C-alpha atoms as a PDB file:
ATOM      1  CA  MET A   1      -0.156   0.439   0.357  1.00  0.00           C
ATOM      2  CA  LYS A   2       2.882   2.090   0.895  1.00  0.00           C
ATOM      3  CA  ALA A   3       4.076   1.673  -2.598  1.00  0.00           C
ATOM      4  CA  VAL A   4       0.593   2.483  -4.386  1.00  0.00           C
ATOM      5  CA  ALA A   5       0.439   5.241  -2.469  1.00  0.00           C
ATOM      6  CA  VAL A   6       4.285   6.946  -3.491  1.00  0.00           C
ATOM      7  CA  GLU A   7       3.224   6.115  -7.202  1.00  0.00           C
ATOM      8  CA  ILE A   8      -0.101   7.822  -6.501  1.00  0.00           C
ATOM      9  CA  ASP A   9       1.680  10.935  -4.991  1.00  0.00           C
ATOM     10  CA  ARG A  10       3.927  11.393  -7.697  1.00  0.00           C
ATOM     11  CA  GLY A  11       1.594  11.284 -10.781  1.00  0.00           C
ATOM     12  CA  ILE A  12      -0.131  14.289  -8.805  1.00  0.00           C
ATOM     13  CA  VAL A  13       3.308  16.015  -9.276  1.00  0.00           C
ATOM     14  CA  ALA A  14       3.623  15.237 -11.938  1.00  0.00           C
ATOM     15  CA  GLY A  15       0.108  16.799 -13.601  1.00  0.00           C
ATOM     16  CA  ASP A  16       1.420  20.169 -12.061  1.00  0.00           C
ATOM     17  CA  GLU A  17       4.415  20.641 -13.872  1.00  0.00           C
ATOM     18  CA  ALA A  18       5.005  24.227 -12.202  1.00  0.00           C
ATOM     19  CA  VAL A  19       4.826  22.906  -8.684  1.00  0.00           C
ATOM     20  CA  ARG A  20       7.632  19.895  -9.809  1.00  0.00           C
ATOM     21  CA  LEU A  21      10.288  22.890 -10.720  1.00  0.00           C
ATOM     22  CA  THR A  22      12.734  23.825  -8.548  1.00  0.00           C
ATOM     23  CA  ALA A  23      14.086  27.266  -7.588  1.00  0.00           C
ATOM     24  CA  ARG A  24      16.781  27.053 -10.169  1.00  0.00           C
ATOM     25  CA  GLU A  25      14.286  25.711 -13.350  1.00  0.00           C
ATOM     26  CA  ARG A  26      12.447  28.394 -12.254  1.00  0.00           C
ATOM     27  CA  VAL A  27      14.659  31.158 -13.159  1.00  0.00           C
ATOM     28  CA  SER A  28      15.754  28.905 -16.529  1.00  0.00           C
ATOM     29  CA  ALA A  29      12.226  29.141 -17.270  1.00  0.00           C
ATOM     30  CA  TYR A  30      11.607  32.730 -16.629  1.00  0.00           C
ATOM     31  CA  ILE A  31      14.591  33.736 -18.509  1.00  0.00           C
ATOM     32  CA  GLU A  32      13.903  31.276 -21.209  1.00  0.00           C
ATOM     33  CA  LEU A  33      10.658  33.300 -21.604  1.00  0.00           C
ATOM     34  CA  THR A  34      12.820  36.847 -22.635  1.00  0.00           C
ATOM     35  CA  LYS A  35      13.890  34.981 -26.003  1.00  0.00           C
ATOM     36  CA  PRO A  36      18.142  35.392 -24.684  1.00  0.00           C
ATOM     37  CA  ARG A  37      19.378  34.477 -27.743  1.00  0.00           C
ATOM     38  CA  ILE A  38      17.133  37.474 -29.904  1.00  0.00           C
ATOM     39  CA  THR A  39      17.581  39.551 -26.808  1.00  0.00           C
ATOM     40  CA  PHE A  40      21.473  38.900 -27.326  1.00  0.00           C
ATOM     41  CA  LEU A  41      21.000  39.808 -31.209  1.00  0.00           C
ATOM     42  CA  ILE A  42      18.528  43.125 -30.900  1.00  0.00           C
ATOM     43  CA  VAL A  43      21.542  44.241 -28.005  1.00  0.00           C
ATOM     44  CA  LEU A  44      23.833  43.797 -30.108  1.00  0.00           C
ATOM     45  CA  THR A  45      22.819  45.475 -33.569  1.00  0.00           C
ATOM     46  CA  SER A  46      21.836  48.353 -31.128  1.00  0.00           C
ATOM     47  CA  ALA A  47      25.424  48.588 -29.356  1.00  0.00           C
ATOM     48  CA  ALA A  48      26.611  48.995 -33.019  1.00  0.00           C
ATOM     49  CA  GLY A  49      23.896  51.847 -33.733  1.00  0.00           C
ATOM     50  CA  TYR A  50      25.474  53.498 -30.371  1.00  0.00           C
ATOM     51  CA  PHE A  51      28.894  53.373 -31.572  1.00  0.00           C
ATOM     52  CA  LEU A  52      28.193  54.616 -35.010  1.00  0.00           C
ATOM     53  CA  GLY A  53      25.872  57.576 -33.986  1.00  0.00           C
ATOM     54  CA  ALA A  54      27.995  58.296 -31.258  1.00  0.00           C
ATOM     55  CA  ARG A  55      30.087  62.025 -32.105  1.00  0.00           C
ATOM     56  CA  GLY A  56      33.103  62.240 -30.373  1.00  0.00           C
ATOM     57  CA  PRO A  57      34.482  59.918 -27.027  1.00  0.00           C
ATOM     58  CA  ILE A  58      31.939  57.280 -26.535  1.00  0.00           C
ATOM     59  CA  ASP A  59      29.969  57.406 -23.184  1.00  0.00           C
ATOM     60  CA  TYR A  60      30.419  54.791 -21.560  1.00  0.00           C
ATOM     61  CA  LEU A  61      27.323  55.452 -18.853  1.00  0.00           C
ATOM     62  CA  ASN A  62      24.992  56.523 -21.559  1.00  0.00           C
ATOM     63  CA  LEU A  63      25.672  53.154 -23.461  1.00  0.00           C
ATOM     64  CA  LEU A  64      25.048  50.890 -20.405  1.00  0.00           C
ATOM     65  CA  HIS A  65      21.982  53.002 -19.393  1.00  0.00           C
ATOM     66  CA  ALA A  66      20.919  52.354 -23.252  1.00  0.00           C
ATOM     67  CA  LEU A  67      21.790  48.761 -23.391  1.00  0.00           C
ATOM     68  CA  ALA A  68      20.088  47.991 -20.347  1.00  0.00           C
ATOM     69  CA  GLY A  69      17.358  49.876 -21.318  1.00  0.00           C
ATOM     70  CA  ILE A  70      16.804  48.093 -24.797  1.00  0.00           C
ATOM     71  CA  THR A  71      17.596  44.514 -22.853  1.00  0.00           C
ATOM     72  CA  LEU A  72      14.289  45.348 -20.928  1.00  0.00           C
ATOM     73  CA  LEU A  73      12.193  46.153 -23.633  1.00  0.00           C
ATOM     74  CA  SER A  74      13.413  42.919 -25.836  1.00  0.00           C
ATOM     75  CA  SER A  75      13.091  40.742 -22.880  1.00  0.00           C
ATOM     76  CA  GLY A  76       9.384  41.374 -21.569  1.00  0.00           C
ATOM     77  CA  ILE A  77       8.043  42.090 -25.191  1.00  0.00           C
ATOM     78  CA  ALA A  78       9.811  38.313 -25.565  1.00  0.00           C
ATOM     79  CA  THR A  79       8.052  37.733 -23.055  1.00  0.00           C
ATOM     80  CA  LEU A  80       4.453  39.328 -23.563  1.00  0.00           C
ATOM     81  CA  ASN A  81       4.793  37.708 -27.111  1.00  0.00           C
ATOM     82  CA  GLN A  82       4.546  34.104 -24.919  1.00  0.00           C
ATOM     83  CA  PHE A  83       2.158  34.897 -23.221  1.00  0.00           C
ATOM     84  CA  MET A  84      -0.237  35.980 -26.163  1.00  0.00           C
ATOM     85  CA  GLU A  85       0.349  33.397 -28.532  1.00  0.00           C
ATOM     86  CA  ARG A  86       0.693  30.473 -25.450  1.00  0.00           C
ATOM     87  CA  ASP A  87      -2.002  28.760 -27.193  1.00  0.00           C
ATOM     88  CA  LEU A  88      -0.427  28.487 -30.895  1.00  0.00           C
ATOM     89  CA  ASP A  89       3.646  27.597 -29.789  1.00  0.00           C
ATOM     90  CA  GLY A  90       1.695  24.428 -27.892  1.00  0.00           C
ATOM     91  CA  LEU A  91      -0.002  22.690 -31.460  1.00  0.00           C
ATOM     92  CA  MET A  92       4.075  23.676 -32.862  1.00  0.00           C
ATOM     93  CA  ARG A  93       6.953  20.916 -32.238  1.00  0.00           C
ATOM     94  CA  ARG A  94       9.225  23.783 -32.619  1.00  0.00           C
ATOM     95  CA  THR A  95       7.693  25.265 -29.462  1.00  0.00           C
ATOM     96  CA  SER A  96       5.752  23.050 -27.979  1.00  0.00           C
ATOM     97  CA  LEU A  97       8.061  22.526 -24.676  1.00  0.00           C
ATOM     98  CA  ARG A  98       8.343  26.861 -24.235  1.00  0.00           C
ATOM     99  CA  PRO A  99       6.934  27.738 -20.775  1.00  0.00           C
ATOM    100  CA  LEU A 100       3.356  27.954 -21.030  1.00  0.00           C
ATOM    101  CA  PRO A 101       2.521  25.536 -22.965  1.00  0.00           C
ATOM    102  CA  SER A 102       4.374  22.866 -21.222  1.00  0.00           C
ATOM    103  CA  GLY A 103       2.969  24.108 -18.169  1.00  0.00           C
ATOM    104  CA  ARG A 104       6.235  25.203 -16.545  1.00  0.00           C
ATOM    105  CA  LEU A 105       4.429  28.754 -15.904  1.00  0.00           C
ATOM    106  CA  GLN A 106       1.685  29.700 -15.367  1.00  0.00           C
ATOM    107  CA  PRO A 107       0.059  32.857 -18.274  1.00  0.00           C
ATOM    108  CA  PHE A 108      -0.239  35.354 -14.899  1.00  0.00           C
ATOM    109  CA  GLU A 109       3.244  34.731 -14.041  1.00  0.00           C
ATOM    110  CA  ALA A 110       4.576  35.972 -17.961  1.00  0.00           C
ATOM    111  CA  LEU A 111       1.786  38.395 -18.745  1.00  0.00           C
ATOM    112  CA  PHE A 112       3.007  39.989 -14.961  1.00  0.00           C
ATOM    113  CA  LEU A 113       6.740  39.750 -15.790  1.00  0.00           C
ATOM    114  CA  GLY A 114       6.320  41.299 -19.313  1.00  0.00           C
ATOM    115  CA  ILE A 115       4.662  44.184 -18.207  1.00  0.00           C
ATOM    116  CA  TRP A 116       6.361  44.529 -15.356  1.00  0.00           C
ATOM    117  CA  LEU A 117       9.846  44.348 -18.105  1.00  0.00           C
ATOM    118  CA  THR A 118       8.484  46.624 -20.409  1.00  0.00           C
ATOM    119  CA  THR A 119       7.190  49.377 -18.483  1.00  0.00           C
ATOM    120  CA  ILE A 120      10.153  49.563 -16.671  1.00  0.00           C
ATOM    121  CA  ALA A 121      11.809  49.811 -19.969  1.00  0.00           C
ATOM    122  CA  GLU A 122      10.428  52.156 -21.417  1.00  0.00           C
ATOM    123  CA  ALA A 123      10.479  54.171 -18.110  1.00  0.00           C
ATOM    124  CA  TYR A 124      14.051  53.476 -17.594  1.00  0.00           C
ATOM    125  CA  LEU A 125      14.656  54.520 -21.216  1.00  0.00           C
ATOM    126  CA  ALA A 126      12.766  58.350 -20.848  1.00  0.00           C
ATOM    127  CA  PHE A 127      14.857  58.795 -17.440  1.00  0.00           C
ATOM    128  CA  LEU A 128      18.021  57.585 -18.116  1.00  0.00           C
ATOM    129  CA  VAL A 129      18.109  57.979 -21.511  1.00  0.00           C
ATOM    130  CA  ASN A 130      16.354  60.121 -23.901  1.00  0.00           C
ATOM    131  CA  PRO A 131      12.525  60.656 -24.804  1.00  0.00           C
ATOM    132  CA  ILE A 132      13.251  59.948 -28.571  1.00  0.00           C
ATOM    133  CA  THR A 133      14.585  56.389 -27.849  1.00  0.00           C
ATOM    134  CA  ALA A 134      11.507  55.625 -25.447  1.00  0.00           C
ATOM    135  CA  ALA A 135       9.585  56.848 -27.776  1.00  0.00           C
ATOM    136  CA  PHE A 136      11.166  54.271 -30.835  1.00  0.00           C
ATOM    137  CA  GLY A 137      10.626  51.671 -27.825  1.00  0.00           C
ATOM    138  CA  LEU A 138       6.888  52.040 -27.164  1.00  0.00           C
ATOM    139  CA  SER A 139       6.705  51.991 -31.150  1.00  0.00           C
ATOM    140  CA  VAL A 140       8.007  48.666 -30.943  1.00  0.00           C
ATOM    141  CA  ILE A 141       5.697  47.604 -27.897  1.00  0.00           C
ATOM    142  CA  VAL A 142       2.883  48.804 -30.218  1.00  0.00           C
ATOM    143  CA  GLY A 143       3.836  47.498 -33.654  1.00  0.00           C
ATOM    144  CA  TYR A 144       4.990  43.767 -32.280  1.00  0.00           C
ATOM    145  CA  LEU A 145       2.725  42.719 -29.875  1.00  0.00           C
ATOM    146  CA  PHE A 146      -0.591  44.795 -30.979  1.00  0.00           C
ATOM    147  CA  LEU A 147      -0.057  44.450 -35.061  1.00  0.00           C
ATOM    148  CA  TYR A 148       2.347  41.664 -36.169  1.00  0.00           C
ATOM    149  CA  THR A 149       1.647  39.537 -33.358  1.00  0.00           C
ATOM    150  CA  PRO A 150      -2.477  39.174 -34.074  1.00  0.00           C
ATOM    151  CA  LEU A 151      -2.201  39.907 -37.790  1.00  0.00           C
ATOM    152  CA  LYS A 152      -0.109  36.931 -38.134  1.00  0.00           C
ATOM    153  CA  THR A 153      -3.154  34.499 -37.783  1.00  0.00           C
ATOM    154  CA  ARG A 154      -4.711  36.850 -40.841  1.00  0.00           C
ATOM    155  CA  THR A 155      -2.456  37.555 -42.890  1.00  0.00           C
ATOM    156  CA  SER A 156       0.681  36.842 -44.614  1.00  0.00           C
ATOM    157  CA  LEU A 157       1.588  40.067 -44.907  1.00  0.00           C
ATOM    158  CA  SER A 158       2.340  39.862 -41.426  1.00  0.00           C
ATOM    159  CA  THR A 159       6.287  39.296 -41.842  1.00  0.00           C
ATOM    160  CA  ALA A 160       6.386  42.695 -43.423  1.00  0.00           C
ATOM    161  CA  ILE A 161       4.645  44.733 -40.751  1.00  0.00           C
ATOM    162  CA  GLY A 162       6.751  42.921 -38.071  1.00  0.00           C
ATOM    163  CA  ALA A 163       9.858  43.521 -40.518  1.00  0.00           C
ATOM    164  CA  PHE A 164       9.412  47.638 -39.165  1.00  0.00           C
ATOM    165  CA  PRO A 165       8.989  47.232 -35.394  1.00  0.00           C
ATOM    166  CA  GLY A 166      11.970  44.384 -35.873  1.00  0.00           C
ATOM    167  CA  ALA A 167      14.040  46.877 -37.647  1.00  0.00           C
ATOM    168  CA  MET A 168      14.533  49.679 -34.770  1.00  0.00           C
ATOM    169  CA  PRO A 169      17.557  48.310 -32.349  1.00  0.00           C
ATOM    170  CA  PRO A 170      20.114  49.991 -34.390  1.00  0.00           C
ATOM    171  CA  LEU A 171      17.996  53.094 -34.834  1.00  0.00           C
ATOM    172  CA  MET A 172      17.208  52.985 -30.723  1.00  0.00           C
ATOM    173  CA  GLY A 173      21.020  53.136 -30.148  1.00  0.00           C
ATOM    174  CA  TRP A 174      22.124  55.680 -32.625  1.00  0.00           C
ATOM    175  CA  THR A 175      19.366  58.564 -30.750  1.00  0.00           C
ATOM    176  CA  ALA A 176      20.376  57.307 -27.549  1.00  0.00           C
ATOM    177  CA  ALA A 177      23.957  58.121 -28.342  1.00  0.00           C
ATOM    178  CA  ARG A 178      23.387  61.805 -30.823  1.00  0.00           C
ATOM    179  CA  GLY A 179      19.753  62.287 -29.172  1.00  0.00           C
ATOM    180  CA  GLU A 180      18.131  63.143 -32.963  1.00  0.00           C
ATOM    181  CA  VAL A 181      17.394  61.148 -36.378  1.00  0.00           C
ATOM    182  CA  GLY A 182      18.868  61.608 -39.202  1.00  0.00           C
ATOM    183  CA  VAL A 183      19.300  59.527 -42.534  1.00  0.00           C
ATOM    184  CA  GLU A 184      22.571  57.649 -41.596  1.00  0.00           C
ATOM    185  CA  ALA A 185      19.591  56.094 -38.817  1.00  0.00           C
ATOM    186  CA  TRP A 186      17.594  55.330 -41.398  1.00  0.00           C
ATOM    187  CA  VAL A 187      20.105  53.226 -43.188  1.00  0.00           C
ATOM    188  CA  LEU A 188      20.867  51.074 -40.229  1.00  0.00           C
ATOM    189  CA  PHE A 189      17.017  50.730 -40.305  1.00  0.00           C
ATOM    190  CA  ALA A 190      17.006  49.955 -43.631  1.00  0.00           C
ATOM    191  CA  ILE A 191      19.878  46.893 -43.947  1.00  0.00           C
ATOM    192  CA  LEU A 192      17.884  45.544 -40.654  1.00  0.00           C
ATOM    193  CA  PHE A 193      14.319  45.966 -42.141  1.00  0.00           C
ATOM    194  CA  LEU A 194      15.499  44.358 -45.303  1.00  0.00           C
ATOM    195  CA  TRP A 195      17.487  41.242 -43.726  1.00  0.00           C
ATOM    196  CA  GLN A 196      14.752  39.635 -41.414  1.00  0.00           C
ATOM    197  CA  PHE A 197      12.910  39.192 -44.753  1.00  0.00           C
ATOM    198  CA  PRO A 198      15.133  35.870 -46.112  1.00  0.00           C
ATOM    199  CA  HIS A 199      16.123  34.854 -42.585  1.00  0.00           C
ATOM    200  CA  PHE A 200      12.419  35.057 -41.831  1.00  0.00           C
ATOM    201  CA  LEU A 201      11.905  33.467 -44.924  1.00  0.00           C
ATOM    202  CA  ALA A 202      13.981  30.696 -43.897  1.00  0.00           C
ATOM    203  CA  ILE A 203      12.930  29.560 -40.662  1.00  0.00           C
ATOM    204  CA  ALA A 204       8.665  29.779 -42.165  1.00  0.00           C
ATOM    205  CA  TRP A 205       9.951  27.191 -45.095  1.00  0.00           C
ATOM    206  CA  MET A 206      11.552  24.627 -42.627  1.00  0.00           C
ATOM    207  CA  TYR A 207       9.159  24.928 -40.185  1.00  0.00           C
ATOM    208  CA  LYS A 208       6.281  25.360 -42.551  1.00  0.00           C
ATOM    209  CA  GLU A 209       4.467  22.201 -41.515  1.00  0.00           C
ATOM    210  CA  ASP A 210       4.091  23.518 -38.058  1.00  0.00           C
ATOM    211  CA  TYR A 211       2.881  27.111 -39.221  1.00  0.00           C
ATOM    212  CA  ARG A 212       0.243  25.200 -40.733  1.00  0.00           C
ATOM    213  CA  ARG A 213      -1.015  22.985 -37.973  1.00  0.00           C
ATOM    214  CA  ALA A 214      -0.636  26.114 -35.655  1.00  0.00           C
ATOM    215  CA  GLY A 215      -3.186  28.431 -38.191  1.00  0.00           C
ATOM    216  CA  ILE A 216      -0.361  30.876 -38.612  1.00  0.00           C
ATOM    217  CA  VAL A 217      -0.654  32.395 -42.413  1.00  0.00           C
ATOM    218  CA  MET A 218       3.419  32.443 -43.219  1.00  0.00           C
ATOM    219  CA  LEU A 219       4.137  32.603 -47.264  1.00  0.00           C
ATOM    220  CA  PRO A 220       4.913  28.833 -47.594  1.00  0.00           C
ATOM    221  CA  VAL A 221       1.927  28.387 -45.754  1.00  0.00           C
ATOM    222  CA  ILE A 222      -0.618  29.237 -48.490  1.00  0.00           C
ATOM    223  CA  GLU A 223       2.279  29.099 -51.272  1.00  0.00           C
ATOM    224  CA  PRO A 224       2.832  25.220 -50.165  1.00  0.00           C
ATOM    225  CA  GLU A 225       5.031  24.860 -54.010  1.00  0.00           C
ATOM    226  CA  GLY A 226       7.362  27.507 -52.536  1.00  0.00           C
ATOM    227  CA  ARG A 227       7.970  29.772 -56.002  1.00  0.00           C
ATOM    228  CA  VAL A 228       6.725  33.394 -53.930  1.00  0.00           C
ATOM    229  CA  THR A 229       8.772  32.419 -50.914  1.00  0.00           C
ATOM    230  CA  ALA A 230      12.292  32.335 -53.315  1.00  0.00           C
ATOM    231  CA  ARG A 231      11.850  34.906 -55.376  1.00  0.00           C
ATOM    232  CA  GLN A 232      10.869  36.865 -52.456  1.00  0.00           C
ATOM    233  CA  ILE A 233      14.177  35.518 -50.968  1.00  0.00           C
ATOM    234  CA  VAL A 234      16.130  36.872 -53.873  1.00  0.00           C
ATOM    235  CA  ALA A 235      15.227  40.158 -54.010  1.00  0.00           C
ATOM    236  CA  TYR A 236      15.060  41.027 -50.909  1.00  0.00           C
ATOM    237  CA  THR A 237      19.223  39.254 -50.645  1.00  0.00           C
ATOM    238  CA  LEU A 238      19.516  41.473 -53.557  1.00  0.00           C
ATOM    239  CA  MET A 239      17.932  44.761 -52.128  1.00  0.00           C
ATOM    240  CA  LEU A 240      19.931  44.491 -49.055  1.00  0.00           C
ATOM    241  CA  ILE A 241      23.231  44.181 -51.014  1.00  0.00           C
ATOM    242  CA  PRO A 242      23.304  47.717 -52.512  1.00  0.00           C
ATOM    243  CA  VAL A 243      21.830  49.402 -49.081  1.00  0.00           C
ATOM    244  CA  SER A 244      24.795  48.208 -47.061  1.00  0.00           C
ATOM    245  CA  LEU A 245      26.939  49.649 -49.202  1.00  0.00           C
ATOM    246  CA  LEU A 246      25.150  52.948 -47.507  1.00  0.00           C
ATOM    247  CA  PRO A 247      27.472  53.392 -44.578  1.00  0.00           C
ATOM    248  CA  THR A 248      30.500  54.108 -46.901  1.00  0.00           C
ATOM    249  CA  VAL A 249      28.846  56.207 -48.767  1.00  0.00           C
ATOM    250  CA  LEU A 250      27.138  58.371 -45.781  1.00  0.00           C
ATOM    251  CA  GLY A 251      31.203  58.506 -43.686  1.00  0.00           C
ATOM    252  CA  ILE A 252      30.118  56.760 -41.206  1.00  0.00           C
ATOM    253  CA  SER A 253      31.962  53.544 -42.197  1.00  0.00           C
ATOM    254  CA  GLY A 254      35.426  53.286 -44.527  1.00  0.00           C
ATOM    255  CA  LYS A 255      36.354  51.606 -47.176  1.00  0.00           C
ATOM    256  CA  ILE A 256      37.264  48.372 -45.552  1.00  0.00           C
ATOM    257  CA  TYR A 257      33.646  47.711 -44.503  1.00  0.00           C
ATOM    258  CA  PHE A 258      32.818  48.071 -48.034  1.00  0.00           C
ATOM    259  CA  CYS A 259      34.337  45.740 -49.433  1.00  0.00           C
ATOM    260  CA  GLY A 260      33.724  43.199 -46.621  1.00  0.00           C
ATOM    261  CA  ALA A 261      30.054  44.085 -47.047  1.00  0.00           C
ATOM    262  CA  ILE A 262      30.244  43.217 -50.833  1.00  0.00           C
ATOM    263  CA  VAL A 263      32.329  39.876 -49.677  1.00  0.00           C
ATOM    264  CA  LEU A 264      29.150  39.225 -47.278  1.00  0.00           C
ATOM    265  CA  GLY A 265      26.738  40.330 -49.299  1.00  0.00           C
ATOM    266  CA  ALA A 266      27.843  37.741 -51.982  1.00  0.00           C
ATOM    267  CA  LEU A 267      28.168  35.256 -49.833  1.00  0.00           C
ATOM    268  CA  PHE A 268      24.998  35.683 -48.252  1.00  0.00           C
ATOM    269  CA  LEU A 269      22.916  35.694 -51.657  1.00  0.00           C
ATOM    270  CA  TYR A 270      24.533  33.101 -53.142  1.00  0.00           C
ATOM    271  CA  SER A 271      22.776  30.840 -49.806  1.00  0.00           C
ATOM    272  CA  SER A 272      19.652  32.611 -51.007  1.00  0.00           C
ATOM    273  CA  VAL A 273      19.735  31.219 -54.046  1.00  0.00           C
ATOM    274  CA  ARG A 274      20.392  27.791 -53.280  1.00  0.00           C
ATOM    275  CA  ALA A 275      17.985  27.910 -50.820  1.00  0.00           C
ATOM    276  CA  ALA A 276      15.163  29.738 -53.990  1.00  0.00           C
ATOM    277  CA  VAL A 277      16.618  27.040 -56.182  1.00  0.00           C
ATOM    278  CA  SER A 278      16.876  23.910 -54.317  1.00  0.00           C
ATOM    279  CA  LYS A 279      13.428  24.428 -52.000  1.00  0.00           C
ATOM    280  CA  SER A 280      14.563  22.186 -49.139  1.00  0.00           C
ATOM    281  CA  LYS A 281      14.759  22.546 -45.748  1.00  0.00           C
ATOM    282  CA  GLN A 282      18.836  21.790 -45.289  1.00  0.00           C
ATOM    283  CA  HIS A 283      19.345  24.983 -48.150  1.00  0.00           C
ATOM    284  CA  ALA A 284      17.085  26.921 -45.860  1.00  0.00           C
ATOM    285  CA  ARG A 285      18.337  25.931 -42.897  1.00  0.00           C
ATOM    286  CA  ARG A 286      22.225  26.679 -44.249  1.00  0.00           C
ATOM    287  CA  LEU A 287      20.421  30.246 -45.662  1.00  0.00           C
ATOM    288  CA  LEU A 288      19.136  30.821 -41.553  1.00  0.00           C
ATOM    289  CA  LEU A 289      22.400  30.282 -40.390  1.00  0.00           C
ATOM    290  CA  ALA A 290      24.375  32.715 -43.262  1.00  0.00           C
ATOM    291  CA  SER A 291      22.312  35.053 -42.117  1.00  0.00           C
ATOM    292  CA  VAL A 292      23.025  34.953 -38.239  1.00  0.00           C
ATOM    293  CA  LEU A 293      26.496  35.430 -39.532  1.00  0.00           C
ATOM    294  CA  TYR A 294      25.496  37.747 -41.378  1.00  0.00           C
ATOM    295  CA  LEU A 295      24.195  40.486 -39.757  1.00  0.00           C
ATOM    296  CA  PRO A 296      26.576  41.011 -36.538  1.00  0.00           C
ATOM    297  CA  LEU A 297      29.753  40.287 -39.186  1.00  0.00           C
ATOM    298  CA  LEU A 298      27.701  43.420 -40.842  1.00  0.00           C
ATOM    299  CA  PHE A 299      27.532  45.234 -37.983  1.00  0.00           C
ATOM    300  CA  GLY A 300      30.914  44.722 -36.482  1.00  0.00           C
ATOM    301  CA  LEU A 301      32.720  45.172 -39.630  1.00  0.00           C
ATOM    302  CA  MET A 302      30.940  48.433 -39.772  1.00  0.00           C
ATOM    303  CA  VAL A 303      31.787  49.350 -36.335  1.00  0.00           C
ATOM    304  CA  LEU A 304      35.928  48.368 -36.315  1.00  0.00           C
ATOM    305  CA  ASN A 305      35.885  50.162 -39.714  1.00  0.00           C
ATOM    306  CA  ARG A 306      33.680  53.643 -38.469  1.00  0.00           C
END
């Protein structure tokens, strides 16, 4: 009888994942809500925007405040996004083990954390950086959470809509350093805006069955043959290459960057064309890897040759 009671107790505990979590596991689940890898890439491009926008010596204290605020903002938006999409995440294999669909955390915990992080982030940016950076941060909250996220189940144009808030990080870094927006800042915005299309279309092609199962209207879902997806991957990569050369034309980076941007663009285009021609998940995965490498290398080279 004692053995049976132990098994019953184990079954009760197994049915409530939140109860089973240790303190370390709970902290790990909260961190997972913030999508740390995506947040890292956002902070990296924001830092690049700051360095490129700075006049004279770098104000490292201000830089620290800017990156801290942007980290909080990105983490809060990611958390609220997972709260809003918890049911959809549960329908997809690639996201079913996230903290909310897996039951490791409860929805109200994510909602509270997300609201707390975004509120603190906006106040932090407004008072310790500058109001224009906070205003751009607010536009990211509105664009990503209240336009892009709900539109994902309604139209494939959500990718283009989501690319606007997604391209804000270097612009926010620039305004944090300079307190104003110039043509150069919009070029940084345009680079990230265009880069997102081959990046996200590669992901959409890899996981189109998952997206179809969840009712998310990505382009490869509504056009499974992949012809339009392939054309868009190549077209946006072709547009990205000349735009990526503009930092040298505008004087915010040098000739070494110019040459490096051509080489990186050519390699990125090669991956895009291969993925477009083959329409295979294997080449889509390679394009995804190429995109993840391309962006930090491009912005890193831009900063080093400023």
